[in-house]
Amino acid sequence: MRALISILACCLFSITVIAQTTEAKKNLPDAGKPIQVMEVSCGKCKLGLPGKTCDMAVRVDGKAYYADGADIDSFGDAHAQDGMCNAIRKADVQGELVNDRFKISYIKLLPDPKKTKEKKQ
C-alpha cells in the first residue's frame, strides 16, 4: 500500500512539474524578436490616447499605442495607487506594431524603483 501511495505521489508531482513547465514555455520570449524596455500604462489615463475605457498601452520611441496581448488588470488592480491607471511602469516587452496597435507576445513588469528603494531603508 505504501509503495502504491509513493508511486501515485511521484506521478502527481511529475504531472505538476510538466504542467508548470508547459505554462512557463508559453511565456518565453520569441527568439526572433528583440525584448525592449518600454513604458506601459493605461492609454487613456496616463499615455494620452483617446478612448472611453481603460486599456493597456505601451510607449515606443516616444509614441503611445494601445496594446493587444496583455490586460491592464493582469498586473493587479489598475485603479490602485500604483496601478496602471495611476502609474507609468517599465516592462520588458516583446512584440510588433501592427495597424497602429502593439501586439505583445511577451511582457514582464520590471520592479518599481520606488518600492525597491522603500524596502532597502
PDB file of N, CA and C in Angstrom:
ATOM      1  N   MET A   1       0.814  -1.189   0.000  1.00  0.00           N
ATOM      2  CA  MET A   1       0.000   0.000   0.000  1.00  0.00           C
ATOM      3  C   MET A   1       0.865   1.263   0.000  1.00  0.00           C
ATOM      4  N   ARG A   2       1.930   1.248   0.834  1.00  0.00           N
ATOM      5  CA  ARG A   2       2.831   2.410   0.881  1.00  0.00           C
ATOM      6  C   ARG A   2       3.510   2.629  -0.459  1.00  0.00           C
ATOM      7  N   ALA A   3       3.867   1.550  -1.115  1.00  0.00           N
ATOM      8  CA  ALA A   3       4.518   1.661  -2.423  1.00  0.00           C
ATOM      9  C   ALA A   3       3.568   2.289  -3.431  1.00  0.00           C
ATOM     10  N   LEU A   4       2.306   1.916  -3.388  1.00  0.00           N
ATOM     11  CA  LEU A   4       1.306   2.473  -4.308  1.00  0.00           C
ATOM     12  C   LEU A   4       1.116   3.963  -4.058  1.00  0.00           C
ATOM     13  N   ILE A   5       1.044   4.347  -2.791  1.00  0.00           N
ATOM     14  CA  ILE A   5       0.901   5.760  -2.436  1.00  0.00           C
ATOM     15  C   ILE A   5       2.128   6.534  -2.906  1.00  0.00           C
ATOM     16  N   SER A   6       3.301   5.968  -2.715  1.00  0.00           N
ATOM     17  CA  SER A   6       4.541   6.614  -3.148  1.00  0.00           C
ATOM     18  C   SER A   6       4.560   6.807  -4.661  1.00  0.00           C
ATOM     19  N   ILE A   7       4.131   5.793  -5.402  1.00  0.00           N
ATOM     20  CA  ILE A   7       4.097   5.877  -6.873  1.00  0.00           C
ATOM     21  C   ILE A   7       3.099   6.940  -7.305  1.00  0.00           C
ATOM     22  N   LEU A   8       1.925   6.961  -6.683  1.00  0.00           N
ATOM     23  CA  LEU A   8       0.915   7.967  -7.028  1.00  0.00           C
ATOM     24  C   LEU A   8       1.413   9.377  -6.739  1.00  0.00           C
ATOM     25  N   ALA A   9       2.066   9.563  -5.607  1.00  0.00           N
ATOM     26  CA  ALA A   9       2.599  10.881  -5.250  1.00  0.00           C
ATOM     27  C   ALA A   9       3.645  11.318  -6.265  1.00  0.00           C
ATOM     28  N   CYS A  10       4.501  10.389  -6.666  1.00  0.00           N
ATOM     29  CA  CYS A  10       5.539  10.696  -7.656  1.00  0.00           C
ATOM     30  C   CYS A  10       4.897  11.093  -8.987  1.00  0.00           C
ATOM     31  N   CYS A  11       3.852  10.363  -9.411  1.00  0.00           N
ATOM     32  CA  CYS A  11       3.166  10.664 -10.677  1.00  0.00           C
ATOM     33  C   CYS A  11       2.509  12.036 -10.625  1.00  0.00           C
ATOM     34  N   LEU A  12       1.857  12.353  -9.491  1.00  0.00           N
ATOM     35  CA  LEU A  12       1.211  13.657  -9.356  1.00  0.00           C
ATOM     36  C   LEU A  12       2.237  14.781  -9.399  1.00  0.00           C
ATOM     37  N   PHE A  13       3.384  14.575  -8.742  1.00  0.00           N
ATOM     38  CA  PHE A  13       4.449  15.574  -8.765  1.00  0.00           C
ATOM     39  C   PHE A  13       4.937  15.776 -10.196  1.00  0.00           C
ATOM     40  N   SER A  14       5.143  14.694 -10.931  1.00  0.00           N
ATOM     41  CA  SER A  14       5.618  14.780 -12.312  1.00  0.00           C
ATOM     42  C   SER A  14       4.627  15.518 -13.196  1.00  0.00           C
ATOM     43  N   ILE A  15       3.348  15.227 -13.031  1.00  0.00           N
ATOM     44  CA  ILE A  15       2.314  15.915 -13.813  1.00  0.00           C
ATOM     45  C   ILE A  15       2.322  17.404 -13.502  1.00  0.00           C
ATOM     46  N   THR A  16       2.462  17.760 -12.232  1.00  0.00           N
ATOM     47  CA  THR A  16       2.501  19.165 -11.838  1.00  0.00           C
ATOM     48  C   THR A  16       3.695  19.873 -12.464  1.00  0.00           C
ATOM     49  N   VAL A  17       4.864  19.262 -12.410  1.00  0.00           N
ATOM     50  CA  VAL A  17       6.068  19.861 -12.988  1.00  0.00           C
ATOM     51  C   VAL A  17       5.912  20.032 -14.493  1.00  0.00           C
ATOM     52  N   ILE A  18       5.372  19.031 -15.177  1.00  0.00           N
ATOM     53  CA  ILE A  18       5.169  19.135 -16.625  1.00  0.00           C
ATOM     54  C   ILE A  18       4.199  20.266 -16.934  1.00  0.00           C
ATOM     55  N   ALA A  19       3.114  20.392 -16.184  1.00  0.00           N
ATOM     56  CA  ALA A  19       2.128  21.451 -16.410  1.00  0.00           C
ATOM     57  C   ALA A  19       2.760  22.821 -16.186  1.00  0.00           C
ATOM     58  N   GLN A  20       3.550  22.966 -15.118  1.00  0.00           N
ATOM     59  CA  GLN A  20       4.192  24.245 -14.850  1.00  0.00           C
ATOM     60  C   GLN A  20       5.210  24.586 -15.931  1.00  0.00           C
ATOM     61  N   THR A  21       5.959  23.601 -16.391  1.00  0.00           N
ATOM     62  CA  THR A  21       6.951  23.831 -17.441  1.00  0.00           C
ATOM     63  C   THR A  21       6.266  24.220 -18.745  1.00  0.00           C
ATOM     64  N   THR A  22       5.168  23.546 -19.075  1.00  0.00           N
ATOM     65  CA  THR A  22       4.433  23.879 -20.289  1.00  0.00           C
ATOM     66  C   THR A  22       3.888  25.297 -20.203  1.00  0.00           C
ATOM     67  N   GLU A  23       3.357  25.683 -19.057  1.00  0.00           N
ATOM     68  CA  GLU A  23       2.832  27.037 -18.878  1.00  0.00           C
ATOM     69  C   GLU A  23       3.959  28.052 -18.981  1.00  0.00           C
ATOM     70  N   ALA A  24       5.121  27.765 -18.407  1.00  0.00           N
ATOM     71  CA  ALA A  24       6.255  28.688 -18.476  1.00  0.00           C
ATOM     72  C   ALA A  24       6.719  28.872 -19.912  1.00  0.00           C
ATOM     73  N   LYS A  25       6.691  27.812 -20.718  1.00  0.00           N
ATOM     74  CA  LYS A  25       7.121  27.928 -22.106  1.00  0.00           C
ATOM     75  C   LYS A  25       6.223  28.869 -22.895  1.00  0.00           C
ATOM     76  N   LYS A  26       4.947  28.958 -22.525  1.00  0.00           N
ATOM     77  CA  LYS A  26       4.044  29.879 -23.214  1.00  0.00           C
ATOM     78  C   LYS A  26       4.495  31.320 -23.028  1.00  0.00           C
ATOM     79  N   ASN A  27       5.171  31.606 -21.915  1.00  0.00           N
ATOM     80  CA  ASN A  27       5.577  32.966 -21.599  1.00  0.00           C
ATOM     81  C   ASN A  27       7.008  33.282 -22.025  1.00  0.00           C
ATOM     82  N   LEU A  28       7.678  32.305 -22.661  1.00  0.00           N
ATOM     83  CA  LEU A  28       9.038  32.566 -23.108  1.00  0.00           C
ATOM     84  C   LEU A  28       9.043  33.542 -24.274  1.00  0.00           C
ATOM     85  N   PRO A  29      10.024  34.422 -24.326  1.00  0.00           N
ATOM     86  CA  PRO A  29      10.101  35.352 -25.434  1.00  0.00           C
ATOM     87  C   PRO A  29      10.352  34.633 -26.761  1.00  0.00           C
ATOM     88  N   ASP A  30       9.900  35.245 -27.833  1.00  0.00           N
ATOM     89  CA  ASP A  30      10.130  34.754 -29.185  1.00  0.00           C
ATOM     90  C   ASP A  30      11.575  35.090 -29.559  1.00  0.00           C
ATOM     91  N   ALA A  31      12.369  34.089 -29.829  1.00  0.00           N
ATOM     92  CA  ALA A  31      13.796  34.282 -30.096  1.00  0.00           C
ATOM     93  C   ALA A  31      14.042  35.196 -31.300  1.00  0.00           C
ATOM     94  N   GLY A  32      13.084  35.304 -32.199  1.00  0.00           N
ATOM     95  CA  GLY A  32      13.270  36.109 -33.400  1.00  0.00           C
ATOM     96  C   GLY A  32      13.023  37.589 -33.213  1.00  0.00           C
ATOM     97  N   LYS A  33      12.469  37.984 -32.091  1.00  0.00           N
ATOM     98  CA  LYS A  33      12.141  39.394 -31.869  1.00  0.00           C
ATOM     99  C   LYS A  33      12.876  39.915 -30.647  1.00  0.00           C
ATOM    100  N   PRO A  34      13.349  41.164 -30.703  1.00  0.00           N
ATOM    101  CA  PRO A  34      14.077  41.712 -29.551  1.00  0.00           C
ATOM    102  C   PRO A  34      13.135  42.046 -28.393  1.00  0.00           C
ATOM    103  N   ILE A  35      13.667  41.934 -27.190  1.00  0.00           N
ATOM    104  CA  ILE A  35      12.946  42.389 -25.998  1.00  0.00           C
ATOM    105  C   ILE A  35      13.402  43.819 -25.747  1.00  0.00           C
ATOM    106  N   GLN A  36      12.436  44.711 -25.560  1.00  0.00           N
ATOM    107  CA  GLN A  36      12.743  46.110 -25.324  1.00  0.00           C
ATOM    108  C   GLN A  36      12.174  46.536 -23.982  1.00  0.00           C
ATOM    109  N   VAL A  37      12.843  47.452 -23.316  1.00  0.00           N
ATOM    110  CA  VAL A  37      12.286  48.041 -22.106  1.00  0.00           C
ATOM    111  C   VAL A  37      11.398  49.188 -22.576  1.00  0.00           C
ATOM    112  N   MET A  38      10.120  49.101 -22.211  1.00  0.00           N
ATOM    113  CA  MET A  38       9.145  50.108 -22.627  1.00  0.00           C
ATOM    114  C   MET A  38       8.373  50.610 -21.421  1.00  0.00           C
ATOM    115  N   GLU A  39       7.778  51.773 -21.581  1.00  0.00           N
ATOM    116  CA  GLU A  39       6.830  52.259 -20.596  1.00  0.00           C
ATOM    117  C   GLU A  39       5.484  51.633 -20.913  1.00  0.00           C
ATOM    118  N   VAL A  40       4.804  51.158 -19.871  1.00  0.00           N
ATOM    119  CA  VAL A  40       3.475  50.572 -20.027  1.00  0.00           C
ATOM    120  C   VAL A  40       2.548  51.233 -19.013  1.00  0.00           C
ATOM    121  N   SER A  41       1.310  51.430 -19.424  1.00  0.00           N
ATOM    122  CA  SER A  41       0.343  52.063 -18.542  1.00  0.00           C
ATOM    123  C   SER A  41      -1.021  52.042 -19.206  1.00  0.00           C
ATOM    124  N   CYS A  42      -1.963  52.759 -18.618  1.00  0.00           N
ATOM    125  CA  CYS A  42      -3.283  52.931 -19.221  1.00  0.00           C
ATOM    126  C   CYS A  42      -3.155  53.965 -20.338  1.00  0.00           C
ATOM    127  N   GLY A  43      -3.607  53.600 -21.519  1.00  0.00           N
ATOM    128  CA  GLY A  43      -3.515  54.515 -22.646  1.00  0.00           C
ATOM    129  C   GLY A  43      -4.308  55.787 -22.433  1.00  0.00           C
ATOM    130  N   LYS A  44      -5.510  55.652 -21.897  1.00  0.00           N
ATOM    131  CA  LYS A  44      -6.386  56.803 -21.689  1.00  0.00           C
ATOM    132  C   LYS A  44      -5.929  57.659 -20.504  1.00  0.00           C
ATOM    133  N   CYS A  45      -5.668  57.013 -19.374  1.00  0.00           N
ATOM    134  CA  CYS A  45      -5.378  57.753 -18.138  1.00  0.00           C
ATOM    135  C   CYS A  45      -3.978  58.359 -18.085  1.00  0.00           C
ATOM    136  N   LYS A  46      -2.985  57.650 -18.611  1.00  0.00           N
ATOM    137  CA  LYS A  46      -1.606  58.098 -18.419  1.00  0.00           C
ATOM    138  C   LYS A  46      -0.822  58.398 -19.702  1.00  0.00           C
ATOM    139  N   LEU A  47      -1.207  57.804 -20.820  1.00  0.00           N
ATOM    140  CA  LEU A  47      -0.402  57.989 -22.033  1.00  0.00           C
ATOM    141  C   LEU A  47      -1.073  58.876 -23.072  1.00  0.00           C
ATOM    142  N   GLY A  48      -2.195  59.489 -22.724  1.00  0.00           N
ATOM    143  CA  GLY A  48      -2.817  60.498 -23.576  1.00  0.00           C
ATOM    144  C   GLY A  48      -3.503  59.986 -24.832  1.00  0.00           C
ATOM    145  N   LEU A  49      -3.869  58.716 -24.867  1.00  0.00           N
ATOM    146  CA  LEU A  49      -4.553  58.178 -26.043  1.00  0.00           C
ATOM    147  C   LEU A  49      -6.061  58.409 -25.919  1.00  0.00           C
ATOM    148  N   PRO A  50      -6.754  58.577 -27.042  1.00  0.00           N
ATOM    149  CA  PRO A  50      -8.204  58.742 -26.982  1.00  0.00           C
ATOM    150  C   PRO A  50      -8.870  57.412 -26.625  1.00  0.00           C
ATOM    151  N   GLY A  51     -10.019  57.498 -25.990  1.00  0.00           N
ATOM    152  CA  GLY A  51     -10.750  56.281 -25.663  1.00  0.00           C
ATOM    153  C   GLY A  51     -11.714  56.512 -24.521  1.00  0.00           C
ATOM    154  N   LYS A  52     -12.622  55.563 -24.345  1.00  0.00           N
ATOM    155  CA  LYS A  52     -13.626  55.678 -23.296  1.00  0.00           C
ATOM    156  C   LYS A  52     -13.365  54.723 -22.141  1.00  0.00           C
ATOM    157  N   THR A  53     -12.498  53.735 -22.355  1.00  0.00           N
ATOM    158  CA  THR A  53     -12.221  52.754 -21.303  1.00  0.00           C
ATOM    159  C   THR A  53     -10.726  52.687 -21.031  1.00  0.00           C
ATOM    160  N   CYS A  54     -10.402  52.122 -19.898  1.00  0.00           N
ATOM    161  CA  CYS A  54      -9.008  51.950 -19.505  1.00  0.00           C
ATOM    162  C   CYS A  54      -8.468  50.687 -20.174  1.00  0.00           C
ATOM    163  N   ASP A  55      -7.426  50.846 -20.992  1.00  0.00           N
ATOM    164  CA  ASP A  55      -6.821  49.723 -21.706  1.00  0.00           C
ATOM    165  C   ASP A  55      -5.308  49.852 -21.700  1.00  0.00           C
ATOM    166  N   MET A  56      -4.637  48.705 -21.716  1.00  0.00           N
ATOM    167  CA  MET A  56      -3.179  48.643 -21.723  1.00  0.00           C
ATOM    168  C   MET A  56      -2.613  49.342 -22.954  1.00  0.00           C
ATOM    169  N   ALA A  57      -1.538  50.072 -22.729  1.00  0.00           N
ATOM    170  CA  ALA A  57      -0.833  50.730 -23.825  1.00  0.00           C
ATOM    171  C   ALA A  57       0.659  50.702 -23.537  1.00  0.00           C
ATOM    172  N   VAL A  58       1.437  50.870 -24.583  1.00  0.00           N
ATOM    173  CA  VAL A  58       2.898  50.943 -24.462  1.00  0.00           C
ATOM    174  C   VAL A  58       3.374  52.223 -25.143  1.00  0.00           C
ATOM    175  N   ARG A  59       4.539  52.692 -24.720  1.00  0.00           N
ATOM    176  CA  ARG A  59       5.141  53.842 -25.386  1.00  0.00           C
ATOM    177  C   ARG A  59       6.420  53.343 -26.064  1.00  0.00           C
ATOM    178  N   VAL A  60       6.452  53.481 -27.394  1.00  0.00           N
ATOM    179  CA  VAL A  60       7.578  53.042 -28.214  1.00  0.00           C
ATOM    180  C   VAL A  60       8.183  54.263 -28.885  1.00  0.00           C
ATOM    181  N   ASP A  61       9.453  54.497 -28.644  1.00  0.00           N
ATOM    182  CA  ASP A  61      10.145  55.641 -29.249  1.00  0.00           C
ATOM    183  C   ASP A  61       9.360  56.933 -29.075  1.00  0.00           C
ATOM    184  N   GLY A  62       8.815  57.157 -27.882  1.00  0.00           N
ATOM    185  CA  GLY A  62       8.118  58.394 -27.572  1.00  0.00           C
ATOM    186  C   GLY A  62       6.671  58.454 -28.023  1.00  0.00           C
ATOM    187  N   LYS A  63       6.168  57.427 -28.714  1.00  0.00           N
ATOM    188  CA  LYS A  63       4.785  57.421 -29.184  1.00  0.00           C
ATOM    189  C   LYS A  63       4.018  56.284 -28.515  1.00  0.00           C
ATOM    190  N   ALA A  64       2.792  56.593 -28.066  1.00  0.00           N
ATOM    191  CA  ALA A  64       1.971  55.611 -27.366  1.00  0.00           C
ATOM    192  C   ALA A  64       1.052  54.873 -28.333  1.00  0.00           C
ATOM    193  N   TYR A  65       0.849  53.578 -28.028  1.00  0.00           N
ATOM    194  CA  TYR A  65      -0.034  52.718 -28.814  1.00  0.00           C
ATOM    195  C   TYR A  65      -0.830  51.839 -27.858  1.00  0.00           C
ATOM    196  N   TYR A  66      -2.111  51.664 -28.165  1.00  0.00           N
ATOM    197  CA  TYR A  66      -2.856  50.657 -27.423  1.00  0.00           C
ATOM    198  C   TYR A  66      -2.240  49.302 -27.737  1.00  0.00           C
ATOM    199  N   ALA A  67      -2.332  48.389 -26.764  1.00  0.00           N
ATOM    200  CA  ALA A  67      -1.666  47.098 -26.899  1.00  0.00           C
ATOM    201  C   ALA A  67      -2.666  45.948 -26.813  1.00  0.00           C
ATOM    202  N   ASP A  68      -2.387  44.907 -27.559  1.00  0.00           N
ATOM    203  CA  ASP A  68      -3.140  43.658 -27.503  1.00  0.00           C
ATOM    204  C   ASP A  68      -2.194  42.581 -26.984  1.00  0.00           C
ATOM    205  N   GLY A  69      -2.725  41.645 -26.227  1.00  0.00           N
ATOM    206  CA  GLY A  69      -1.908  40.544 -25.725  1.00  0.00           C
ATOM    207  C   GLY A  69      -1.624  40.622 -24.244  1.00  0.00           C
ATOM    208  N   ALA A  70      -2.025  41.723 -23.597  1.00  0.00           N
ATOM    209  CA  ALA A  70      -1.875  41.859 -22.146  1.00  0.00           C
ATOM    210  C   ALA A  70      -3.032  42.712 -21.645  1.00  0.00           C
ATOM    211  N   ASP A  71      -3.627  42.286 -20.549  1.00  0.00           N
ATOM    212  CA  ASP A  71      -4.757  43.002 -19.973  1.00  0.00           C
ATOM    213  C   ASP A  71      -4.259  43.966 -18.906  1.00  0.00           C
ATOM    214  N   ILE A  72      -4.854  45.115 -18.830  1.00  0.00           N
ATOM    215  CA  ILE A  72      -4.433  46.146 -17.870  1.00  0.00           C
ATOM    216  C   ILE A  72      -4.549  45.667 -16.422  1.00  0.00           C
ATOM    217  N   ASP A  73      -5.486  44.741 -16.156  1.00  0.00           N
ATOM    218  CA  ASP A  73      -5.661  44.227 -14.793  1.00  0.00           C
ATOM    219  C   ASP A  73      -4.797  43.005 -14.500  1.00  0.00           C
ATOM    220  N   SER A  74      -3.983  42.575 -15.455  1.00  0.00           N
ATOM    221  CA  SER A  74      -3.106  41.422 -15.234  1.00  0.00           C
ATOM    222  C   SER A  74      -2.010  41.717 -14.223  1.00  0.00           C
ATOM    223  N   PHE A  75      -1.792  42.970 -13.919  1.00  0.00           N
ATOM    224  CA  PHE A  75      -0.710  43.375 -13.024  1.00  0.00           C
ATOM    225  C   PHE A  75      -1.262  43.938 -11.721  1.00  0.00           C
ATOM    226  N   GLY A  76      -2.451  43.497 -11.343  1.00  0.00           N
ATOM    227  CA  GLY A  76      -3.102  43.986 -10.136  1.00  0.00           C
ATOM    228  C   GLY A  76      -4.208  44.957 -10.506  1.00  0.00           C
ATOM    229  N   ASP A  77      -4.817  45.543  -9.494  1.00  0.00           N
ATOM    230  CA  ASP A  77      -5.919  46.480  -9.710  1.00  0.00           C
ATOM    231  C   ASP A  77      -5.402  47.716 -10.441  1.00  0.00           C
ATOM    232  N   ALA A  78      -5.910  47.945 -11.643  1.00  0.00           N
ATOM    233  CA  ALA A  78      -5.453  49.064 -12.461  1.00  0.00           C
ATOM    234  C   ALA A  78      -5.720  50.408 -11.791  1.00  0.00           C
ATOM    235  N   HIS A  79      -6.721  50.459 -10.909  1.00  0.00           N
ATOM    236  CA  HIS A  79      -7.067  51.724 -10.271  1.00  0.00           C
ATOM    237  C   HIS A  79      -6.511  51.872  -8.854  1.00  0.00           C
ATOM    238  N   ALA A  80      -5.648  50.941  -8.457  1.00  0.00           N
ATOM    239  CA  ALA A  80      -4.958  51.071  -7.170  1.00  0.00           C
ATOM    240  C   ALA A  80      -3.957  52.218  -7.277  1.00  0.00           C
ATOM    241  N   GLN A  81      -3.404  52.634  -6.154  1.00  0.00           N
ATOM    242  CA  GLN A  81      -2.470  53.761  -6.143  1.00  0.00           C
ATOM    243  C   GLN A  81      -1.292  53.545  -7.099  1.00  0.00           C
ATOM    244  N   ASP A  82      -0.797  52.311  -7.167  1.00  0.00           N
ATOM    245  CA  ASP A  82       0.336  52.026  -8.055  1.00  0.00           C
ATOM    246  C   ASP A  82      -0.104  51.256  -9.301  1.00  0.00           C
ATOM    247  N   GLY A  83      -1.409  51.238  -9.576  1.00  0.00           N
ATOM    248  CA  GLY A  83      -1.948  50.520 -10.730  1.00  0.00           C
ATOM    249  C   GLY A  83      -1.678  51.247 -12.041  1.00  0.00           C
ATOM    250  N   MET A  84      -1.980  50.579 -13.121  1.00  0.00           N
ATOM    251  CA  MET A  84      -1.677  51.104 -14.458  1.00  0.00           C
ATOM    252  C   MET A  84      -2.401  52.405 -14.789  1.00  0.00           C
ATOM    253  N   CYS A  85      -3.510  52.690 -14.136  1.00  0.00           N
ATOM    254  CA  CYS A  85      -4.219  53.943 -14.404  1.00  0.00           C
ATOM    255  C   CYS A  85      -3.654  55.106 -13.583  1.00  0.00           C
ATOM    256  N   ASN A  86      -2.758  54.797 -12.655  1.00  0.00           N
ATOM    257  CA  ASN A  86      -2.179  55.830 -11.801  1.00  0.00           C
ATOM    258  C   ASN A  86      -0.664  55.907 -11.875  1.00  0.00           C
ATOM    259  N   ALA A  87      -0.056  55.010 -12.612  1.00  0.00           N
ATOM    260  CA  ALA A  87       1.413  54.996 -12.689  1.00  0.00           C
ATOM    261  C   ALA A  87       1.857  54.507 -14.062  1.00  0.00           C
ATOM    262  N   ILE A  88       2.956  55.039 -14.515  1.00  0.00           N
ATOM    263  CA  ILE A  88       3.593  54.536 -15.728  1.00  0.00           C
ATOM    264  C   ILE A  88       4.740  53.659 -15.261  1.00  0.00           C
ATOM    265  N   ARG A  89       4.735  52.404 -15.690  1.00  0.00           N
ATOM    266  CA  ARG A  89       5.753  51.446 -15.263  1.00  0.00           C
ATOM    267  C   ARG A  89       6.632  51.055 -16.429  1.00  0.00           C
ATOM    268  N   LYS A  90       7.759  50.485 -16.133  1.00  0.00           N
ATOM    269  CA  LYS A  90       8.655  49.953 -17.156  1.00  0.00           C
ATOM    270  C   LYS A  90       8.492  48.438 -17.193  1.00  0.00           C
ATOM    271  N   ALA A  91       8.639  47.889 -18.399  1.00  0.00           N
ATOM    272  CA  ALA A  91       8.495  46.446 -18.563  1.00  0.00           C
ATOM    273  C   ALA A  91       9.383  45.978 -19.703  1.00  0.00           C
ATOM    274  N   ASP A  92       9.837  44.726 -19.602  1.00  0.00           N
ATOM    275  CA  ASP A  92      10.459  44.059 -20.743  1.00  0.00           C
ATOM    276  C   ASP A  92       9.309  43.637 -21.644  1.00  0.00           C
ATOM    277  N   VAL A  93       9.327  44.085 -22.888  1.00  0.00           N
ATOM    278  CA  VAL A  93       8.222  43.808 -23.798  1.00  0.00           C
ATOM    279  C   VAL A  93       8.775  43.297 -25.116  1.00  0.00           C
ATOM    280  N   GLN A  94       8.068  42.345 -25.666  1.00  0.00           N
ATOM    281  CA  GLN A  94       8.396  41.821 -26.979  1.00  0.00           C
ATOM    282  C   GLN A  94       7.108  41.808 -27.797  1.00  0.00           C
ATOM    283  N   GLY A  95       7.209  42.208 -29.030  1.00  0.00           N
ATOM    284  CA  GLY A  95       6.033  42.216 -29.889  1.00  0.00           C
ATOM    285  C   GLY A  95       6.311  43.033 -31.130  1.00  0.00           C
ATOM    286  N   GLU A  96       5.220  43.431 -31.784  1.00  0.00           N
ATOM    287  CA  GLU A  96       5.384  44.206 -33.009  1.00  0.00           C
ATOM    288  C   GLU A  96       4.204  45.141 -33.207  1.00  0.00           C
ATOM    289  N   LEU A  97       4.468  46.200 -33.930  1.00  0.00           N
ATOM    290  CA  LEU A  97       3.449  47.176 -34.257  1.00  0.00           C
ATOM    291  C   LEU A  97       2.698  46.704 -35.500  1.00  0.00           C
ATOM    292  N   VAL A  98       1.379  46.532 -35.363  1.00  0.00           N
ATOM    293  CA  VAL A  98       0.537  46.071 -36.459  1.00  0.00           C
ATOM    294  C   VAL A  98      -0.698  46.974 -36.521  1.00  0.00           C
ATOM    295  N   ASN A  99      -0.870  47.662 -37.629  1.00  0.00           N
ATOM    296  CA  ASN A  99      -2.043  48.524 -37.827  1.00  0.00           C
ATOM    297  C   ASN A  99      -2.262  49.493 -36.663  1.00  0.00           C
ATOM    298  N   ASP A 100      -1.220  50.171 -36.256  1.00  0.00           N
ATOM    299  CA  ASP A 100      -1.271  51.191 -35.212  1.00  0.00           C
ATOM    300  C   ASP A 100      -1.644  50.651 -33.827  1.00  0.00           C
ATOM    301  N   ARG A 101      -1.451  49.342 -33.606  1.00  0.00           N
ATOM    302  CA  ARG A 101      -1.605  48.727 -32.290  1.00  0.00           C
ATOM    303  C   ARG A 101      -0.365  47.877 -32.050  1.00  0.00           C
ATOM    304  N   PHE A 102       0.063  47.793 -30.791  1.00  0.00           N
ATOM    305  CA  PHE A 102       1.228  46.993 -30.468  1.00  0.00           C
ATOM    306  C   PHE A 102       0.767  45.617 -30.014  1.00  0.00           C
ATOM    307  N   LYS A 103       1.173  44.582 -30.734  1.00  0.00           N
ATOM    308  CA  LYS A 103       0.809  43.200 -30.423  1.00  0.00           C
ATOM    309  C   LYS A 103       1.893  42.619 -29.515  1.00  0.00           C
ATOM    310  N   ILE A 104       1.562  42.437 -28.242  1.00  0.00           N
ATOM    311  CA  ILE A 104       2.516  41.937 -27.250  1.00  0.00           C
ATOM    312  C   ILE A 104       2.563  40.412 -27.307  1.00  0.00           C
ATOM    313  N   SER A 105       3.785  39.874 -27.457  1.00  0.00           N
ATOM    314  CA  SER A 105       3.955  38.430 -27.387  1.00  0.00           C
ATOM    315  C   SER A 105       4.600  38.021 -26.048  1.00  0.00           C
ATOM    316  N   TYR A 106       5.198  38.982 -25.354  1.00  0.00           N
ATOM    317  CA  TYR A 106       5.839  38.722 -24.065  1.00  0.00           C
ATOM    318  C   TYR A 106       5.893  40.035 -23.306  1.00  0.00           C
ATOM    319  N   ILE A 107       5.577  39.975 -22.030  1.00  0.00           N
ATOM    320  CA  ILE A 107       5.689  41.167 -21.182  1.00  0.00           C
ATOM    321  C   ILE A 107       6.044  40.744 -19.768  1.00  0.00           C
ATOM    322  N   LYS A 108       6.995  41.439 -19.179  1.00  0.00           N
ATOM    323  CA  LYS A 108       7.378  41.196 -17.789  1.00  0.00           C
ATOM    324  C   LYS A 108       7.571  42.560 -17.143  1.00  0.00           C
ATOM    325  N   LEU A 109       6.711  42.868 -16.200  1.00  0.00           N
ATOM    326  CA  LEU A 109       6.793  44.133 -15.491  1.00  0.00           C
ATOM    327  C   LEU A 109       8.075  44.175 -14.671  1.00  0.00           C
ATOM    328  N   LEU A 110       8.818  45.259 -14.770  1.00  0.00           N
ATOM    329  CA  LEU A 110      10.061  45.402 -14.008  1.00  0.00           C
ATOM    330  C   LEU A 110       9.739  45.923 -12.611  1.00  0.00           C
ATOM    331  N   PRO A 111      10.608  45.638 -11.643  1.00  0.00           N
ATOM    332  CA  PRO A 111      10.345  46.103 -10.278  1.00  0.00           C
ATOM    333  C   PRO A 111      10.204  47.627 -10.250  1.00  0.00           C
ATOM    334  N   ASP A 112       9.266  48.090  -9.428  1.00  0.00           N
ATOM    335  CA  ASP A 112       9.052  49.525  -9.263  1.00  0.00           C
ATOM    336  C   ASP A 112      10.206  50.079  -8.433  1.00  0.00           C
ATOM    337  N   PRO A 113      11.004  51.005  -8.986  1.00  0.00           N
ATOM    338  CA  PRO A 113      12.161  51.519  -8.245  1.00  0.00           C
ATOM    339  C   PRO A 113      11.778  52.178  -6.926  1.00  0.00           C
ATOM    340  N   LYS A 114      10.598  52.780  -6.853  1.00  0.00           N
ATOM    341  CA  LYS A 114      10.165  53.422  -5.599  1.00  0.00           C
ATOM    342  C   LYS A 114       9.963  52.373  -4.513  1.00  0.00           C
ATOM    343  N   LYS A 115       9.346  51.254  -4.848  1.00  0.00           N
ATOM    344  CA  LYS A 115       9.107  50.192  -3.870  1.00  0.00           C
ATOM    345  C   LYS A 115      10.413  49.521  -3.466  1.00  0.00           C
ATOM    346  N   THR A 116      11.327  49.345  -4.419  1.00  0.00           N
ATOM    347  CA  THR A 116      12.619  48.737  -4.124  1.00  0.00           C
ATOM    348  C   THR A 116      13.394  49.618  -3.157  1.00  0.00           C
ATOM    349  N   LYS A 117      13.359  50.932  -3.383  1.00  0.00           N
ATOM    350  CA  LYS A 117      14.063  51.877  -2.520  1.00  0.00           C
ATOM    351  C   LYS A 117      13.468  51.856  -1.125  1.00  0.00           C
ATOM    352  N   GLU A 118      12.122  51.785  -0.997  1.00  0.00           N
ATOM    353  CA  GLU A 118      11.455  51.748   0.300  1.00  0.00           C
ATOM    354  C   GLU A 118      11.845  50.501   1.082  1.00  0.00           C
ATOM    355  N   LYS A 119      11.975  49.344   0.431  1.00  0.00           N
ATOM    356  CA  LYS A 119      12.312  48.097   1.107  1.00  0.00           C
ATOM    357  C   LYS A 119      13.728  48.141   1.660  1.00  0.00           C
ATOM    358  N   LYS A 120      14.656  48.835   0.976  1.00  0.00           N
ATOM    359  CA  LYS A 120      16.055  48.877   1.402  1.00  0.00           C
ATOM    360  C   LYS A 120      16.221  49.715   2.657  1.00  0.00           C
ATOM    361  N   GLN A 121      15.358  50.690   2.853  1.00  0.00           N
ATOM    362  CA  GLN A 121      15.511  51.614   4.006  1.00  0.00           C
ATOM    363  C   GLN A 121      15.080  50.997   5.292  1.00  0.00           C
TER     364      GLN A 121
END
